[in-house]
Amino acid sequence: MVSQAPDRQSGGVNDQETDGKRKGCATCLRRRIRCDQTLPSCRKCERKGLTCPGYERRLRWAGAIAVRGRFRGIAEPRQLHGTGASHEHIVIGPSHVRGKEISSEQVAKWSDVAVDIARLVPGALTTAEICGMVHYYHDRIAGNMVWIDSPSNPYKRLVIPRARSQPILLLAILTIASEHDAMSRKASSSMFSKNAHDIVISHITRELERTVNMMSSSGAAVSLELHTVEWILASILVLSNYECIGSQSMLWCSHRLGARTLIHAVSISRSETSELYQFLRAQFSTIDILASTTTRLHMNSQDVVLQESNDPEAILSEYMKLIHEINTYTWKGETNTSQIPPASVLRTKFETVRGLTMMNAAASPALADDSTRLHFILLADVFHTAALLFAYRTACRLKPEDPAVQVLSKELMEKLDHFIANVPLIQTLPWPVLIAGIESHGLEERQVLVSKWYQAIIEGTGFNNYKEVELFLVEYWAGNEKNWRKMAELWERQGRPVLAV
C-alpha cells in the first residue's frame, strides 16, 4: 500500500511540484534551516552525516501492493540507491564492489575530500558513492595497471591514499571507474564522469603550462614541488586508457610531452626520497617507451623517460631500455644505416637482457609465489620474442620472407596463444599482440587470432582504447602499404596516434 508523506513545512509535496521549483529537502525543512539545494544531495545534510532524501515527491511504502489509484499493482520497490535527485548520477551498489560491505568508517575517510569534489563538479557524488567508486577502482582496475597484481600494488597502496588529499587525482580515479563500470554494464557514460574528466584535463593542462612556462623563464634551476609532480603524473597515468581513444589520444600525447618535461626537471636526489614518485616514473617510462615505437611526429625519441633499476614495479626495465635503443636506431637508420648493429649483435644483446631480467625479478615483492614467478617467466619470454622481432623488422630491416623473421613470428603467435589461454596477465599483452598483428599481413588465419586476442584484452581489462589498435591493424591488413610505420605516421597526422600501451 502506498501513502503520500505530507511536508509539514509547506502545503504538502504536491505544492512543491506545482510551484515549479524546489523548496529544499525534507530533512532541512524538518530541521528548520535553509536548504542549499545542491545536487545530488544538499551539503548541509552530508556535513551532518544525515541522509538527504532529495527533492522529488516522497512515497512511503507499507510493504504491500497498491490495489487502486495510479500505483495499482505496483509492489514495494527494491532498495533505492542514490538520493532520488532528478539528474543523472552514478549508481553504486554492493554488487559493483564484488559484494563487499562498505562500512561507515571507510566512508568517513572520504568525507573531507568529498566536500572539495562537490565544489568542483556539478552534480557530484555523495561520500558513500565516492567510497564505492574507489573500492571499484581498487578491485577491478588497479590490478590491470601493473605488470603483475599483488598486495604491494602501488596503485592500491600509494595512489589511492594520496587521492584522499588531492581532489583532482580522486576525480581522475572516479572518471575511469565510472567509465569502466558503464562499459562492464553496457550502459552509457554518466554526465558526472564527463564533467569530472573535463575538470581533470583542465587542471592537468593548466598546471603543466604553468610549470613549463616557469621552467622556460627561470631555467633549469627552478625548484618543482614533488607533491605537484606526483599528482599530475598519477592523474595522467590513471586516465591513460580513457585518454587513448580516438580524438582524445592527441590530448594525452600533449600530456605525455609535459610529463616528460616534469620528470626530467626533478632532481635525482629529491626523487629518491619518494617511493610514489619512483613508481610513477617507472610506470610512465614503460608507456613512454612503448608509445614511442608507434608515434614520432611530436615527440623526440631521445627524450624518452628511462626507468631506474631500483624503481618499484620496473621488472621489465632492461627490455624497455633495449626497445628504446632499437627505436633510436630505427629513427636514425632512416638517414644513417651504418650505426645499426647487425642482427647477430642484437640477438646477443637480447639474450643478455633476458638473463638480467630474470636476475632482477628474483628480488621483486610482486613475484611472491611459484605460480606468479612462472607467469612472469612466460611474460618475459613473450616480450623477448616480440621485441626481437620488432628489432629485426625495423632496425635491421629484414623482410617478412627472411627465415629468421618467419621463425620468430611463428614462435610469437604460439607463445601468445599459450599465454592467453593459461596466464591471467592479459593486461600485459597489447604491445606484443600489435607486433604479432603487424606480421600477419596477408595471413588471414593469423589475423583472426589477433582480432580475437584484442577482444579478449578488451573484455579482460575493460579498457576499450585497444579497439583503436585493432582498427589500425584491420586497415593495415586490407591495404597495400607494407610499411606499417608509414601508415602509423599517417594516422598520427590525422590525429589518431596508435597507442598499444
Protein backbone atom coordinates (compact mmCIF):
# COMPACT_ATOMS: atom_id res chain seq x y z
CA MET A 1 0.00 0.00 0.00
CA VAL A 2 1.29 3.45 -0.84
CA SER A 3 0.67 6.55 1.20
CA GLN A 4 1.88 10.06 0.49
CA ALA A 5 4.16 11.68 3.07
CA PRO A 6 2.99 15.27 3.58
CA ASP A 7 5.53 18.03 4.09
CA ARG A 8 4.59 19.86 7.28
CA GLN A 9 6.59 22.94 6.47
CA SER A 10 4.61 23.61 3.31
CA GLY A 11 1.25 22.66 1.96
CA GLY A 12 2.46 19.17 1.07
CA VAL A 13 4.59 17.60 -1.65
CA ASN A 14 2.12 18.50 -4.35
CA ASP A 15 2.63 22.19 -3.55
CA GLN A 16 6.32 21.82 -4.32
CA GLU A 17 5.58 20.29 -7.69
CA THR A 18 3.01 22.90 -8.71
CA ASP A 19 5.26 25.77 -7.67
CA GLY A 20 7.65 24.69 -10.47
CA LYS A 21 10.72 24.94 -8.23
CA ARG A 22 12.30 23.05 -5.36
CA LYS A 23 11.78 24.20 -1.79
CA GLY A 24 14.60 22.20 -0.23
CA CYS A 25 14.89 18.67 1.03
CA ALA A 26 12.57 17.36 3.73
CA THR A 27 15.43 16.89 6.19
CA CYS A 28 16.40 20.57 6.07
CA LEU A 29 12.76 21.60 6.29
CA ARG A 30 12.32 19.39 9.34
CA ARG A 31 15.43 20.95 10.91
CA ARG A 32 14.00 24.42 10.11
CA ILE A 33 17.09 25.54 8.18
CA ARG A 34 17.53 26.85 4.66
CA CYS A 35 18.48 24.03 2.27
CA ASP A 36 21.32 24.75 -0.17
CA GLN A 37 19.54 22.57 -2.79
CA THR A 38 22.77 21.22 -4.32
CA LEU A 39 22.68 18.06 -6.41
CA PRO A 40 22.58 15.12 -5.93
CA SER A 41 22.07 15.92 -2.25
CA CYS A 42 22.39 19.03 -0.13
CA ARG A 43 25.74 19.56 1.53
CA LYS A 44 24.17 20.54 4.85
CA CYS A 45 22.80 17.02 5.23
CA GLU A 46 26.07 15.47 4.16
CA ARG A 47 28.15 17.52 6.60
CA LYS A 48 25.92 16.35 9.46
CA GLY A 49 26.07 12.75 8.29
CA LEU A 50 22.34 12.77 7.53
CA THR A 51 20.66 11.08 4.59
CA CYS A 52 19.29 13.64 2.17
CA PRO A 53 16.02 12.38 0.63
CA GLY A 54 16.39 14.60 -2.43
CA TYR A 55 13.83 16.98 -3.81
CA GLU A 56 11.33 14.79 -5.62
CA ARG A 57 7.97 13.54 -4.45
CA ARG A 58 8.43 11.18 -1.49
CA LEU A 59 6.45 7.97 -1.03
CA ARG A 60 6.13 5.66 1.95
CA TRP A 61 5.78 2.01 1.09
CA ALA A 62 3.88 -0.17 3.53
CA GLY A 63 5.32 -3.38 2.10
CA ALA A 64 2.20 -4.34 0.12
CA ILE A 65 0.81 -3.87 -3.38
CA ALA A 66 -1.46 -0.95 -4.17
CA VAL A 67 -4.97 -2.06 -5.10
CA ARG A 68 -6.30 1.20 -6.51
CA GLY A 69 -5.17 4.52 -7.91
CA ARG A 70 -2.34 5.07 -10.39
CA PHE A 71 0.01 2.89 -8.30
CA ARG A 72 -2.33 -0.12 -8.64
CA GLY A 73 -0.39 -3.38 -8.95
CA ILE A 74 2.97 -1.86 -8.07
CA ALA A 75 4.85 -3.78 -5.39
CA GLU A 76 7.30 -2.41 -2.87
CA PRO A 77 10.45 -1.36 -4.73
CA ARG A 78 13.84 -2.87 -4.11
CA GLN A 79 16.45 -0.82 -2.32
CA LEU A 80 16.73 2.58 -3.91
CA HIS A 81 20.30 3.71 -4.49
CA GLY A 82 21.34 7.34 -4.60
CA THR A 83 19.41 10.29 -3.33
CA GLY A 84 16.49 10.44 -5.69
CA ALA A 85 17.76 13.65 -7.22
CA SER A 86 16.32 14.44 -10.62
CA HIS A 87 19.58 14.37 -12.55
CA GLU A 88 21.86 11.73 -13.96
CA HIS A 89 24.39 10.39 -11.49
CA ILE A 90 26.38 7.26 -10.87
CA VAL A 91 24.66 4.38 -9.13
CA ILE A 92 26.86 2.26 -6.95
CA GLY A 93 25.68 -0.79 -5.08
CA PRO A 94 27.38 -3.65 -3.22
CA SER A 95 27.45 -5.77 -6.39
CA HIS A 96 29.79 -3.27 -8.02
CA VAL A 97 32.45 -3.84 -5.38
CA ARG A 98 32.31 -7.63 -5.50
CA GLY A 99 29.87 -7.99 -2.66
CA LYS A 100 31.97 -6.09 -0.15
CA GLU A 101 30.11 -4.27 2.57
CA ILE A 102 31.39 -0.71 2.84
CA SER A 103 31.49 0.32 6.47
CA SER A 104 30.68 3.78 7.77
CA GLU A 105 34.31 4.07 8.91
CA GLN A 106 35.51 3.52 5.33
CA VAL A 107 33.04 6.09 4.01
CA ALA A 108 34.12 8.62 6.65
CA LYS A 109 37.70 8.56 5.32
CA TRP A 110 36.47 10.28 2.15
CA SER A 111 34.18 12.85 3.76
CA ASP A 112 36.65 15.76 3.70
CA VAL A 113 37.69 15.39 0.07
CA ALA A 114 34.04 14.77 -0.90
CA VAL A 115 33.32 18.38 0.05
CA ASP A 116 36.03 19.51 -2.38
CA ILE A 117 34.61 17.26 -5.11
CA ALA A 118 31.16 18.79 -4.58
CA ARG A 119 32.65 22.25 -5.15
CA LEU A 120 34.46 21.16 -8.31
CA VAL A 121 31.81 19.15 -10.16
CA PRO A 122 28.13 19.95 -10.69
CA GLY A 123 26.01 17.02 -9.54
CA ALA A 124 28.87 15.45 -7.59
CA LEU A 125 28.66 12.07 -5.92
CA THR A 126 27.82 11.53 -2.29
CA THR A 127 30.57 10.43 0.06
CA ALA A 128 29.23 6.87 0.03
CA GLU A 129 29.21 6.81 -3.78
CA ILE A 130 32.77 8.13 -3.88
CA CYS A 131 33.86 5.42 -1.47
CA GLY A 132 32.08 2.81 -3.60
CA MET A 133 33.78 4.02 -6.76
CA VAL A 134 37.19 3.98 -5.10
CA HIS A 135 36.55 0.39 -3.99
CA TYR A 136 35.56 -0.42 -7.57
CA TYR A 137 38.82 1.08 -8.85
CA HIS A 138 40.80 -0.84 -6.22
CA ASP A 139 39.18 -4.19 -7.04
CA ARG A 140 38.54 -4.00 -10.78
CA ILE A 141 41.03 -1.58 -12.35
CA ALA A 142 44.22 -1.10 -10.31
CA GLY A 143 45.35 -4.68 -10.94
CA ASN A 144 45.23 -4.09 -14.70
CA MET A 145 47.54 -1.08 -14.44
CA VAL A 146 50.67 -3.04 -13.46
CA TRP A 147 52.58 -5.98 -14.89
CA ILE A 148 51.56 -8.31 -12.06
CA ASP A 149 48.97 -7.51 -9.42
CA SER A 150 49.88 -8.18 -5.80
CA PRO A 151 49.10 -6.87 -2.30
CA SER A 152 52.01 -4.43 -2.78
CA ASN A 153 50.45 -2.90 -5.93
CA PRO A 154 51.41 0.80 -5.60
CA TYR A 155 48.16 1.98 -7.22
CA LYS A 156 46.33 0.43 -4.27
CA ARG A 157 48.95 1.13 -1.62
CA LEU A 158 50.16 4.62 -2.61
CA VAL A 159 47.99 6.27 -5.28
CA ILE A 160 44.56 5.70 -3.71
CA PRO A 161 45.61 7.01 -0.26
CA ARG A 162 47.11 10.10 -1.93
CA ALA A 163 43.73 10.78 -3.57
CA ARG A 164 42.20 11.47 -0.13
CA SER A 165 44.15 14.72 -0.02
CA GLN A 166 44.22 15.50 -3.75
CA PRO A 167 40.75 16.13 -5.28
CA ILE A 168 41.95 16.21 -8.91
CA LEU A 169 43.61 12.81 -8.57
CA LEU A 170 40.43 11.50 -6.95
CA LEU A 171 38.38 12.90 -9.84
CA ALA A 172 40.65 11.03 -12.27
CA ILE A 173 40.02 7.80 -10.35
CA LEU A 174 36.27 8.44 -10.29
CA THR A 175 36.27 9.18 -14.02
CA ILE A 176 37.96 5.96 -15.08
CA ALA A 177 35.99 3.93 -12.53
CA SER A 178 32.63 5.24 -13.74
CA GLU A 179 33.58 4.72 -17.41
CA HIS A 180 34.84 1.20 -16.70
CA ASP A 181 31.69 0.39 -14.72
CA ALA A 182 29.45 1.73 -17.51
CA MET A 183 31.27 -0.38 -20.09
CA SER A 184 31.01 -3.53 -17.98
CA ARG A 185 27.25 -2.96 -17.65
CA LYS A 186 26.93 -1.92 -21.33
CA ALA A 187 25.50 1.39 -20.16
CA SER A 188 26.09 4.91 -21.43
CA SER A 189 28.57 7.20 -19.73
CA SER A 190 27.25 9.31 -16.88
CA MET A 191 27.22 13.08 -17.09
CA PHE A 192 29.27 13.16 -13.90
CA SER A 193 32.15 11.23 -15.48
CA LYS A 194 32.19 13.56 -18.49
CA ASN A 195 32.21 16.65 -16.29
CA ALA A 196 34.84 15.15 -13.98
CA HIS A 197 37.04 14.23 -16.93
CA ASP A 198 36.90 17.76 -18.36
CA ILE A 199 37.81 19.25 -14.99
CA VAL A 200 40.77 16.88 -14.53
CA ILE A 201 42.07 17.63 -18.02
CA SER A 202 41.68 21.36 -17.45
CA HIS A 203 43.67 21.22 -14.20
CA ILE A 204 46.40 18.99 -15.67
CA THR A 205 46.78 21.20 -18.73
CA ARG A 206 46.83 24.41 -16.71
CA GLU A 207 49.38 23.05 -14.23
CA LEU A 208 51.62 21.69 -16.99
CA GLU A 209 51.52 25.02 -18.84
CA ARG A 210 52.27 26.93 -15.64
CA THR A 211 55.18 24.67 -14.72
CA VAL A 212 56.69 24.56 -18.21
CA ASN A 213 56.41 28.35 -18.57
CA MET A 214 58.05 28.79 -15.18
CA MET A 215 60.88 26.48 -16.21
CA SER A 216 61.33 28.31 -19.52
CA SER A 217 61.64 31.67 -17.81
CA SER A 218 63.72 30.53 -14.84
CA GLY A 219 65.94 27.95 -16.49
CA ALA A 220 66.89 24.53 -15.19
CA ALA A 221 67.39 25.82 -11.66
CA VAL A 222 63.64 26.04 -11.00
CA SER A 223 62.52 24.01 -7.99
CA LEU A 224 59.47 21.83 -8.59
CA GLU A 225 57.27 20.66 -5.76
CA LEU A 226 57.49 16.88 -5.76
CA HIS A 227 53.93 16.69 -4.43
CA THR A 228 52.65 18.59 -7.50
CA VAL A 229 54.63 16.43 -9.92
CA GLU A 230 53.24 13.31 -8.25
CA TRP A 231 49.55 14.22 -8.56
CA ILE A 232 50.00 15.30 -12.19
CA LEU A 233 51.80 12.08 -13.13
CA ALA A 234 49.35 9.93 -11.18
CA SER A 235 46.34 11.61 -12.84
CA ILE A 236 47.83 11.19 -16.32
CA LEU A 237 48.53 7.51 -15.69
CA VAL A 238 45.12 6.83 -14.14
CA LEU A 239 43.42 8.37 -17.18
CA SER A 240 45.79 6.86 -19.77
CA ASN A 241 43.40 4.15 -21.03
CA TYR A 242 40.49 6.60 -21.11
CA GLU A 243 42.53 9.23 -22.93
CA CYS A 244 43.98 6.96 -25.64
CA ILE A 245 40.67 6.61 -27.51
CA GLY A 246 40.15 8.32 -30.87
CA SER A 247 40.50 12.08 -30.98
CA GLN A 248 41.31 12.30 -27.26
CA SER A 249 44.61 10.50 -27.80
CA MET A 250 46.29 13.62 -29.18
CA LEU A 251 45.48 15.41 -25.94
CA TRP A 252 47.06 12.56 -24.00
CA CYS A 253 50.17 12.86 -26.20
CA SER A 254 50.48 16.51 -25.20
CA HIS A 255 50.22 15.47 -21.55
CA ARG A 256 52.88 12.85 -22.22
CA LEU A 257 55.23 15.54 -23.50
CA GLY A 258 54.53 17.71 -20.45
CA ALA A 259 55.10 14.76 -18.12
CA ARG A 260 58.48 14.14 -19.74
CA THR A 261 59.44 17.73 -19.01
CA LEU A 262 58.40 17.40 -15.38
CA ILE A 263 60.30 14.16 -14.82
CA HIS A 264 63.48 15.44 -16.44
CA ALA A 265 63.28 18.56 -14.24
CA VAL A 266 63.02 16.69 -10.92
CA SER A 267 66.41 16.29 -9.29
CA ILE A 268 67.57 12.73 -8.70
CA SER A 269 68.38 13.39 -5.03
CA ARG A 270 64.82 14.56 -4.29
CA SER A 271 63.13 11.84 -6.35
CA GLU A 272 64.86 9.05 -4.45
CA THR A 273 63.08 10.12 -1.26
CA SER A 274 59.62 9.31 -2.62
CA GLU A 275 58.53 5.75 -3.34
CA LEU A 276 55.40 7.07 -5.05
CA TYR A 277 57.40 9.21 -7.46
CA GLN A 278 59.77 6.34 -8.27
CA PHE A 279 56.80 4.12 -9.08
CA LEU A 280 55.10 6.77 -11.22
CA ARG A 281 58.35 7.37 -13.11
CA ALA A 282 58.68 3.64 -13.85
CA GLN A 283 55.05 3.40 -14.98
CA PHE A 284 55.31 6.44 -17.21
CA SER A 285 58.61 5.21 -18.65
CA THR A 286 57.01 1.94 -19.81
CA ILE A 287 54.16 3.79 -21.50
CA ASP A 288 56.50 6.40 -23.00
CA ILE A 289 58.87 3.83 -24.50
CA LEU A 290 56.15 1.60 -25.97
CA ALA A 291 54.25 4.62 -27.34
CA SER A 292 57.45 5.83 -29.00
CA THR A 293 57.57 2.68 -31.13
CA THR A 294 54.40 3.77 -32.94
CA THR A 295 54.46 7.60 -32.70
CA ARG A 296 57.11 10.13 -33.63
CA LEU A 297 55.73 13.38 -35.08
CA HIS A 298 55.54 15.48 -31.93
CA MET A 299 57.92 13.59 -29.64
CA ASN A 300 61.69 13.25 -29.74
CA SER A 301 62.51 9.61 -29.01
CA GLN A 302 65.83 10.67 -27.46
CA ASP A 303 63.98 12.45 -24.63
CA VAL A 304 62.14 9.29 -23.57
CA VAL A 305 62.00 8.72 -19.80
CA LEU A 306 64.07 5.67 -18.87
CA GLN A 307 63.46 3.54 -15.82
CA GLU A 308 65.90 3.32 -12.96
CA SER A 309 66.88 -0.15 -11.81
CA ASN A 310 65.52 0.48 -8.30
CA ASP A 311 62.14 1.82 -9.43
CA PRO A 312 59.21 -0.16 -7.98
CA GLU A 313 57.49 -2.46 -10.48
CA ALA A 314 60.26 -1.96 -13.06
CA ILE A 315 60.57 -5.71 -13.57
CA LEU A 316 60.95 -5.43 -17.36
CA SER A 317 63.17 -2.34 -17.24
CA GLU A 318 66.05 -3.98 -19.15
CA TYR A 319 63.74 -4.89 -22.02
CA MET A 320 62.27 -1.38 -22.02
CA LYS A 321 65.77 0.13 -22.30
CA LEU A 322 66.64 -2.19 -25.19
CA ILE A 323 63.38 -1.45 -27.01
CA HIS A 324 64.20 2.25 -26.65
CA GLU A 325 67.69 1.61 -28.05
CA ILE A 326 66.19 -0.23 -31.03
CA ASN A 327 63.74 2.61 -31.54
CA THR A 328 66.60 5.12 -31.58
CA TYR A 329 68.42 3.03 -34.18
CA THR A 330 65.24 2.92 -36.22
CA TRP A 331 64.73 6.67 -36.47
CA LYS A 332 68.45 7.31 -37.03
CA GLY A 333 68.53 4.48 -39.56
CA GLU A 334 66.39 6.44 -41.96
CA THR A 335 69.41 8.65 -42.64
CA ASN A 336 72.41 6.61 -41.45
CA THR A 337 72.24 2.82 -41.59
CA SER A 338 75.89 2.40 -40.60
CA GLN A 339 75.02 2.89 -36.91
CA ILE A 340 72.64 -0.08 -36.81
CA PRO A 341 74.21 -3.25 -35.37
CA PRO A 342 73.83 -6.47 -37.37
CA ALA A 343 71.09 -8.92 -36.42
CA SER A 344 73.55 -11.27 -34.70
CA VAL A 345 74.73 -8.50 -32.35
CA LEU A 346 71.17 -7.51 -31.48
CA ARG A 347 70.26 -11.13 -30.81
CA THR A 348 73.17 -11.41 -28.36
CA LYS A 349 72.03 -8.23 -26.61
CA PHE A 350 68.54 -9.66 -26.21
CA GLU A 351 69.87 -12.88 -24.70
CA THR A 352 71.89 -10.85 -22.19
CA VAL A 353 68.83 -8.80 -21.29
CA ARG A 354 66.81 -11.96 -20.75
CA GLY A 355 69.31 -13.09 -18.12
CA LEU A 356 69.44 -9.69 -16.41
CA THR A 357 65.65 -9.56 -16.29
CA MET A 358 65.41 -12.91 -14.54
CA MET A 359 68.08 -11.89 -12.02
CA ASN A 360 66.38 -8.58 -11.22
CA ALA A 361 62.93 -10.14 -10.95
CA ALA A 362 64.10 -12.56 -8.28
CA ALA A 363 64.03 -9.75 -5.70
CA SER A 364 60.67 -8.30 -6.72
CA PRO A 365 57.97 -8.43 -4.00
CA ALA A 366 55.35 -8.79 -6.75
CA LEU A 367 56.70 -12.29 -7.54
CA ALA A 368 55.94 -13.84 -4.20
CA ASP A 369 54.92 -17.39 -5.14
CA ASP A 370 55.86 -20.10 -7.62
CA SER A 371 52.86 -19.65 -9.93
CA THR A 372 53.43 -15.89 -10.19
CA ARG A 373 57.12 -16.43 -10.96
CA LEU A 374 56.19 -18.93 -13.68
CA HIS A 375 53.73 -16.46 -15.16
CA PHE A 376 56.42 -13.80 -15.20
CA ILE A 377 58.89 -16.11 -16.98
CA LEU A 378 56.28 -16.68 -19.70
CA LEU A 379 55.59 -12.94 -19.89
CA ALA A 380 59.29 -12.12 -20.26
CA ASP A 381 59.55 -14.77 -22.99
CA VAL A 382 56.68 -13.18 -24.93
CA PHE A 383 58.26 -9.73 -24.69
CA HIS A 384 61.65 -11.15 -25.64
CA THR A 385 60.26 -12.65 -28.84
CA ALA A 386 58.11 -9.62 -29.74
CA ALA A 387 60.93 -7.11 -29.11
CA LEU A 388 63.49 -9.14 -31.07
CA LEU A 389 61.05 -9.42 -33.97
CA PHE A 390 60.46 -5.66 -33.75
CA ALA A 391 64.25 -5.14 -33.91
CA TYR A 392 64.70 -7.43 -36.91
CA ARG A 393 61.93 -5.74 -38.90
CA THR A 394 62.54 -2.09 -38.02
CA ALA A 395 66.23 -1.65 -37.20
CA CYS A 396 67.72 -4.48 -39.27
CA ARG A 397 65.05 -4.12 -41.97
CA LEU A 398 64.71 -7.82 -42.57
CA LYS A 399 61.93 -8.79 -44.98
CA PRO A 400 58.88 -10.87 -43.95
CA GLU A 401 60.16 -13.78 -46.02
CA ASP A 402 63.51 -13.84 -44.20
CA PRO A 403 63.84 -17.21 -42.39
CA ALA A 404 64.73 -15.55 -39.06
CA VAL A 405 61.61 -13.36 -39.25
CA GLN A 406 59.37 -16.28 -40.17
CA VAL A 407 60.65 -18.38 -37.28
CA LEU A 408 60.21 -15.57 -34.75
CA SER A 409 56.74 -14.58 -35.96
CA LYS A 410 55.59 -18.20 -35.75
CA GLU A 411 57.06 -18.51 -32.24
CA LEU A 412 55.36 -15.29 -31.15
CA MET A 413 51.94 -16.49 -32.34
CA GLU A 414 52.38 -19.80 -30.50
CA LYS A 415 53.59 -18.16 -27.29
CA LEU A 416 50.76 -15.62 -27.29
CA ASP A 417 48.17 -18.34 -27.88
CA HIS A 418 49.52 -20.34 -24.93
CA PHE A 419 49.90 -17.28 -22.71
CA ILE A 420 46.35 -16.00 -23.25
CA ALA A 421 44.92 -19.46 -22.60
CA ASN A 422 46.87 -20.16 -19.42
CA VAL A 423 48.16 -16.98 -17.78
CA PRO A 424 45.91 -14.40 -16.02
CA LEU A 425 48.04 -11.42 -17.12
CA ILE A 426 46.21 -10.39 -20.27
CA GLN A 427 46.67 -6.68 -19.42
CA THR A 428 50.37 -7.03 -20.31
CA LEU A 429 49.84 -8.05 -23.95
CA PRO A 430 48.64 -5.08 -26.09
CA TRP A 431 52.12 -4.31 -27.47
CA PRO A 432 53.23 -7.92 -28.21
CA VAL A 433 49.87 -8.58 -29.90
CA LEU A 434 50.40 -5.45 -32.02
CA ILE A 435 53.76 -6.81 -33.19
CA ALA A 436 52.10 -10.16 -33.98
CA GLY A 437 49.37 -8.34 -35.91
CA ILE A 438 51.90 -6.40 -37.98
CA GLU A 439 53.49 -9.69 -39.04
CA SER A 440 50.07 -11.08 -40.05
CA HIS A 441 49.70 -9.02 -43.24
CA GLY A 442 48.29 -11.34 -45.90
CA LEU A 443 47.80 -14.21 -43.41
CA GLU A 444 44.07 -14.46 -42.73
CA GLU A 445 44.22 -17.19 -40.08
CA ARG A 446 46.65 -15.15 -38.01
CA GLN A 447 44.55 -12.03 -38.45
CA VAL A 448 41.53 -13.82 -36.99
CA LEU A 449 43.62 -14.84 -33.97
CA VAL A 450 44.98 -11.33 -33.42
CA SER A 451 41.49 -9.81 -33.53
CA LYS A 452 40.31 -12.49 -31.12
CA TRP A 453 43.16 -11.66 -28.75
CA TYR A 454 42.40 -7.95 -28.77
CA GLN A 455 38.78 -8.70 -27.98
CA ALA A 456 39.98 -10.85 -25.08
CA ILE A 457 42.21 -7.99 -23.88
CA ILE A 458 39.31 -5.53 -24.03
CA GLU A 459 36.98 -7.91 -22.19
CA GLY A 460 39.62 -8.87 -19.64
CA THR A 461 40.71 -5.34 -18.79
CA GLY A 462 37.58 -3.33 -19.54
CA PHE A 463 39.77 -0.85 -21.46
CA ASN A 464 38.12 0.00 -24.77
CA ASN A 465 41.03 2.02 -26.14
CA TYR A 466 42.62 -1.14 -27.57
CA LYS A 467 39.81 -1.23 -30.12
CA GLU A 468 41.65 1.64 -31.84
CA VAL A 469 44.76 -0.53 -32.20
CA GLU A 470 42.71 -3.36 -33.68
CA LEU A 471 41.09 -0.94 -36.15
CA PHE A 472 44.57 0.19 -37.22
CA LEU A 473 45.58 -3.41 -37.88
CA VAL A 474 42.39 -4.17 -39.82
CA GLU A 475 43.06 -1.19 -42.10
CA TYR A 476 46.70 -2.23 -42.44
CA TRP A 477 45.75 -5.78 -43.40
CA ALA A 478 43.25 -4.55 -46.00
CA GLY A 479 45.69 -2.16 -47.71
CA ASN A 480 48.69 -2.49 -49.98
CA GLU A 481 51.08 -0.48 -47.78
CA LYS A 482 53.58 -2.96 -46.36
CA ASN A 483 55.40 -0.37 -44.22
CA TRP A 484 53.21 -0.21 -41.12
CA ARG A 485 55.16 2.71 -39.69
CA LYS A 486 54.26 4.91 -42.64
CA MET A 487 50.64 4.08 -42.03
CA ALA A 488 51.00 4.74 -38.29
CA GLU A 489 52.53 8.12 -39.12
CA LEU A 490 49.57 8.89 -41.40
CA TRP A 491 47.16 8.03 -38.58
CA GLU A 492 49.14 10.27 -36.25
CA ARG A 493 48.91 13.17 -38.73
CA GLN A 494 45.15 12.61 -38.79
CA GLY A 495 45.02 12.93 -35.00
CA ARG A 496 44.72 9.20 -34.24
CA PRO A 497 48.10 8.04 -32.91
CA VAL A 498 48.41 4.28 -32.49
CA LEU A 499 48.97 3.64 -28.77
CA ALA A 500 49.28 -0.01 -27.76
CA VAL A 501 50.19 0.89 -24.18
